[in-house]
């Protein structure tokens, strides 16, 4: 069976992650490199494991998490769909079972909030893992005075923890935000659609979704 370790060693995957992140940097986007995809892979795996799902399904979630942004090598617009198509060829060439390829590619094709849906458990885990990675370390613009709203929202996030309570079926996103950099309302201006998507993903996993900002439960 194809594992996450195998995928990490694939030179095509590696090139697409590196170059895609470089392309996003050229147009002013936050970091989508190894730190991001590595964290999303870890969180995707942990979500399904903590909820008691099978090891192999959690491994597929980790694989989807690691390669979910490879479509950025082509274009940011439609990157989830292009990444899904690319993943089919890559994973099939690596020998992954066709049914597993379909699960992973569907997850990748549905992780973007503009058009995605939690169509399977791997997709739901990927959505939650990806949208919960908000942190100042992702901001690449060195000039605070020129920050756009995306930069401010990420730079204001001092801590972002995703907690999974498998016993009570609760998934919580706990944020600590510097409100001097970004007011809570500005956070919602950018991330409301993402939080709605997270709630739908949690619902798919038969869990309640909570959003906590600076100790206050907002969702």
Protein backbone atom coordinates (compact mmCIF):
# COMPACT_ATOMS: atom_id res chain seq x y z
CA UNK A 1 0.00 0.00 0.00
CA UNK A 2 1.15 3.54 -0.79
CA UNK A 3 2.03 5.37 2.42
CA UNK A 4 2.61 8.99 3.36
CA UNK A 5 6.33 8.24 3.55
CA UNK A 6 6.22 7.01 -0.06
CA UNK A 7 4.41 10.16 -1.19
CA UNK A 8 6.94 12.39 0.56
CA UNK A 9 9.72 10.68 -1.38
CA UNK A 10 8.03 11.21 -4.74
CA UNK A 11 10.10 13.75 -6.72
CA UNK A 12 7.08 15.02 -8.67
CA UNK A 13 5.16 15.73 -5.47
CA UNK A 14 8.18 17.44 -3.98
CA UNK A 15 8.71 19.63 -7.05
CA UNK A 16 5.04 20.62 -7.22
CA UNK A 17 4.93 21.61 -3.53
CA UNK A 18 8.11 23.69 -3.86
CA UNK A 19 7.25 25.38 -7.12
CA UNK A 20 3.59 25.90 -6.25
CA UNK A 21 4.58 27.66 -3.04
CA UNK A 22 7.04 29.81 -4.96
CA UNK A 23 4.33 30.79 -7.45
CA UNK A 24 2.01 31.82 -4.63
CA UNK A 25 4.80 33.88 -3.08
CA UNK A 26 5.18 35.75 -6.37
CA UNK A 27 1.56 36.93 -6.16
CA UNK A 28 1.67 37.77 -2.46
CA UNK A 29 0.01 34.73 -0.88
CA UNK A 30 0.86 33.28 2.51
CA UNK A 31 3.17 30.29 2.84
CA UNK A 32 1.87 26.99 1.42
CA UNK A 33 5.14 25.06 1.62
CA UNK A 34 6.41 22.12 3.64
CA UNK A 35 5.37 23.52 7.02
CA UNK A 36 1.78 23.99 5.88
CA UNK A 37 1.31 20.69 4.06
CA UNK A 38 3.14 18.80 6.80
CA UNK A 39 0.91 20.23 9.51
CA UNK A 40 -2.25 19.62 7.48
CA UNK A 41 -1.18 16.01 6.93
CA UNK A 42 -0.58 15.51 10.66
CA UNK A 43 -3.89 17.10 11.65
CA UNK A 44 -5.88 15.22 9.01
CA UNK A 45 -4.48 11.93 10.31
CA UNK A 46 -5.06 12.85 13.96
CA UNK A 47 -8.68 13.89 13.40
CA UNK A 48 -9.74 10.50 12.06
CA UNK A 49 -7.61 8.55 14.54
CA UNK A 50 -8.97 10.52 17.50
CA UNK A 51 -12.51 9.81 16.30
CA UNK A 52 -11.80 6.09 16.14
CA UNK A 53 -11.65 5.50 12.40
CA UNK A 54 -9.40 2.90 10.80
CA UNK A 55 -5.64 3.43 10.51
CA UNK A 56 -5.70 3.15 6.72
CA UNK A 57 -8.39 5.81 6.35
CA UNK A 58 -6.38 8.11 8.61
CA UNK A 59 -3.31 7.42 6.44
CA UNK A 60 -5.28 8.39 3.33
CA UNK A 61 -6.26 11.61 5.08
CA UNK A 62 -2.60 12.30 5.79
CA UNK A 63 -1.72 11.69 2.13
CA UNK A 64 -4.52 14.00 0.99
CA UNK A 65 -3.31 16.61 3.46
CA UNK A 66 0.25 16.46 2.18
CA UNK A 67 -0.62 16.86 -1.51
CA UNK A 68 -3.80 18.95 -1.26
CA UNK A 69 -2.15 22.11 -2.61
CA UNK A 70 -0.13 20.72 -5.54
CA UNK A 71 -2.57 22.40 -7.94
CA UNK A 72 -1.00 25.74 -7.00
CA UNK A 73 1.85 24.85 -9.36
CA UNK A 74 -0.61 25.53 -12.21
CA UNK A 75 -2.76 28.37 -10.86
CA UNK A 76 -4.30 29.44 -7.58
CA UNK A 77 -7.71 29.65 -9.20
CA UNK A 78 -9.17 26.17 -9.39
CA UNK A 79 -6.18 24.70 -7.57
CA UNK A 80 -8.30 22.16 -5.72
CA UNK A 81 -9.70 20.65 -8.93
CA UNK A 82 -6.41 20.73 -10.83
CA UNK A 83 -4.67 19.24 -7.81
CA UNK A 84 -7.25 16.45 -7.66
CA UNK A 85 -6.65 15.56 -11.30
CA UNK A 86 -2.89 15.64 -10.81
CA UNK A 87 -3.16 13.42 -7.75
CA UNK A 88 -5.03 10.74 -9.71
CA UNK A 89 -2.10 10.32 -12.10
CA UNK A 90 0.57 10.53 -9.40
CA UNK A 91 -1.03 8.08 -6.98
CA UNK A 92 -2.07 5.67 -9.72
CA UNK A 93 1.48 5.61 -11.07
CA UNK A 94 2.67 4.84 -7.54
CA UNK A 95 0.40 1.81 -7.45
CA UNK A 96 -2.35 3.00 -5.14
CA UNK A 97 -5.63 1.07 -5.30
CA UNK A 98 -8.18 2.80 -7.55
CA UNK A 99 -10.79 3.05 -4.81
CA UNK A 100 -8.29 4.77 -2.50
CA UNK A 101 -7.24 7.11 -5.30
CA UNK A 102 -10.87 8.13 -5.73
CA UNK A 103 -11.21 8.92 -2.02
CA UNK A 104 -8.03 11.00 -1.88
CA UNK A 105 -8.69 12.87 -5.14
CA UNK A 106 -12.24 13.69 -4.06
CA UNK A 107 -10.91 15.11 -0.79
CA UNK A 108 -8.37 17.28 -2.60
CA UNK A 109 -10.97 18.47 -5.12
CA UNK A 110 -13.31 19.52 -2.31
CA UNK A 111 -11.02 21.29 0.17
CA UNK A 112 -11.51 24.83 -1.14
CA UNK A 113 -14.27 26.84 0.51
CA UNK A 114 -15.46 28.35 -2.77
CA UNK A 115 -16.69 25.06 -4.20
CA UNK A 116 -15.86 22.21 -1.84
CA UNK A 117 -17.98 19.88 0.26
CA UNK A 118 -17.17 17.17 2.82
CA UNK A 119 -18.01 14.32 0.44
CA UNK A 120 -16.23 11.66 2.50
CA UNK A 121 -14.49 11.37 5.87
CA UNK A 122 -11.06 12.03 4.37
CA UNK A 123 -12.39 15.22 2.79
CA UNK A 124 -13.97 16.31 6.08
CA UNK A 125 -10.71 15.78 7.97
CA UNK A 126 -8.73 17.64 5.29
CA UNK A 127 -11.10 20.62 5.39
CA UNK A 128 -10.78 20.94 9.17
CA UNK A 129 -7.00 20.51 9.13
CA UNK A 130 -6.43 22.99 6.31
CA UNK A 131 -8.74 25.75 7.52
CA UNK A 132 -7.40 25.56 11.07
CA UNK A 133 -3.84 26.45 10.04
CA UNK A 134 -3.84 30.16 10.74
CA UNK A 135 -0.61 31.60 12.16
CA UNK A 136 1.73 34.56 11.81
CA UNK A 137 4.53 32.26 10.64
CA UNK A 138 2.70 31.88 7.33
CA UNK A 139 2.99 35.59 6.45
CA UNK A 140 5.78 36.24 3.95
CA UNK A 141 5.40 40.00 3.54
CA UNK A 142 8.11 41.63 5.71
CA UNK A 143 6.49 45.10 5.62
CA UNK A 144 3.65 45.29 8.15
CA UNK A 145 2.56 48.66 6.78
CA UNK A 146 1.62 47.04 3.47
CA UNK A 147 -0.30 44.07 4.91
CA UNK A 148 -3.58 43.23 3.23
CA UNK A 149 -6.41 41.74 5.26
CA UNK A 150 -5.17 38.16 4.70
CA UNK A 151 -1.73 39.09 6.04
CA UNK A 152 -3.25 40.86 9.05
CA UNK A 153 -5.52 37.97 9.94
CA UNK A 154 -2.70 35.45 9.80
CA UNK A 155 -0.15 37.71 11.50
CA UNK A 156 -2.56 38.44 14.34
CA UNK A 157 -2.97 34.72 15.07
CA UNK A 158 -0.52 33.94 17.85
CA UNK A 159 -1.87 30.44 18.45
CA UNK A 160 -4.27 28.14 16.61
CA UNK A 161 -5.04 24.77 18.17
CA UNK A 162 -7.42 22.17 16.76
CA UNK A 163 -8.80 19.92 19.48
CA UNK A 164 -10.70 16.69 18.88
CA UNK A 165 -12.77 15.26 21.71
CA UNK A 166 -13.67 11.85 20.38
CA UNK A 167 -15.62 10.86 23.48
CA UNK A 168 -18.00 13.83 23.32
CA UNK A 169 -17.79 14.24 19.54
CA UNK A 170 -16.62 17.85 19.66
CA UNK A 171 -14.05 19.46 17.35
CA UNK A 172 -12.79 22.82 18.57
CA UNK A 173 -10.68 25.48 16.89
CA UNK A 174 -9.09 27.57 19.62
CA UNK A 175 -7.46 30.81 18.48
CA UNK A 176 -5.46 33.46 20.28
CA UNK A 177 -5.56 36.69 18.26
CA UNK A 178 -3.82 40.00 18.84
CA UNK A 179 -6.80 42.33 18.43
CA UNK A 180 -4.46 45.31 18.06
CA UNK A 181 -3.42 43.84 14.72
CA UNK A 182 -6.72 42.36 13.61
CA UNK A 183 -10.10 42.85 15.30
CA UNK A 184 -12.24 39.75 15.70
CA UNK A 185 -14.78 41.13 13.21
CA UNK A 186 -12.07 41.42 10.56
CA UNK A 187 -11.20 37.79 11.17
CA UNK A 188 -14.81 36.87 10.45
CA UNK A 189 -14.85 39.02 7.32
CA UNK A 190 -12.24 36.74 5.77
CA UNK A 191 -12.87 33.42 7.47
CA UNK A 192 -16.64 33.15 7.94
CA UNK A 193 -17.05 30.96 4.85
CA UNK A 194 -14.19 28.76 6.04
CA UNK A 195 -15.70 28.35 9.49
CA UNK A 196 -19.06 27.42 7.96
CA UNK A 197 -17.25 24.82 5.90
CA UNK A 198 -15.53 23.52 9.05
CA UNK A 199 -18.91 23.17 10.76
CA UNK A 200 -20.23 21.17 7.81
CA UNK A 201 -17.14 18.96 7.89
CA UNK A 202 -17.58 18.35 11.60
CA UNK A 203 -21.25 17.54 11.01
CA UNK A 204 -20.21 14.96 8.42
CA UNK A 205 -18.02 13.34 11.07
CA UNK A 206 -21.00 13.45 13.47
CA UNK A 207 -19.33 16.06 15.65
CA UNK A 208 -20.14 19.53 16.92
CA UNK A 209 -17.81 22.31 15.77
CA UNK A 210 -16.72 25.04 18.16
CA UNK A 211 -14.81 28.23 17.36
CA UNK A 212 -13.15 29.84 20.36
CA UNK A 213 -11.31 33.16 20.00
CA UNK A 214 -9.42 34.61 22.94
CA UNK A 215 -11.37 32.38 25.31
CA UNK A 216 -14.82 33.29 23.99
CA UNK A 217 -16.94 30.68 22.22
CA UNK A 218 -18.26 32.27 19.04
CA UNK A 219 -19.64 29.19 17.25
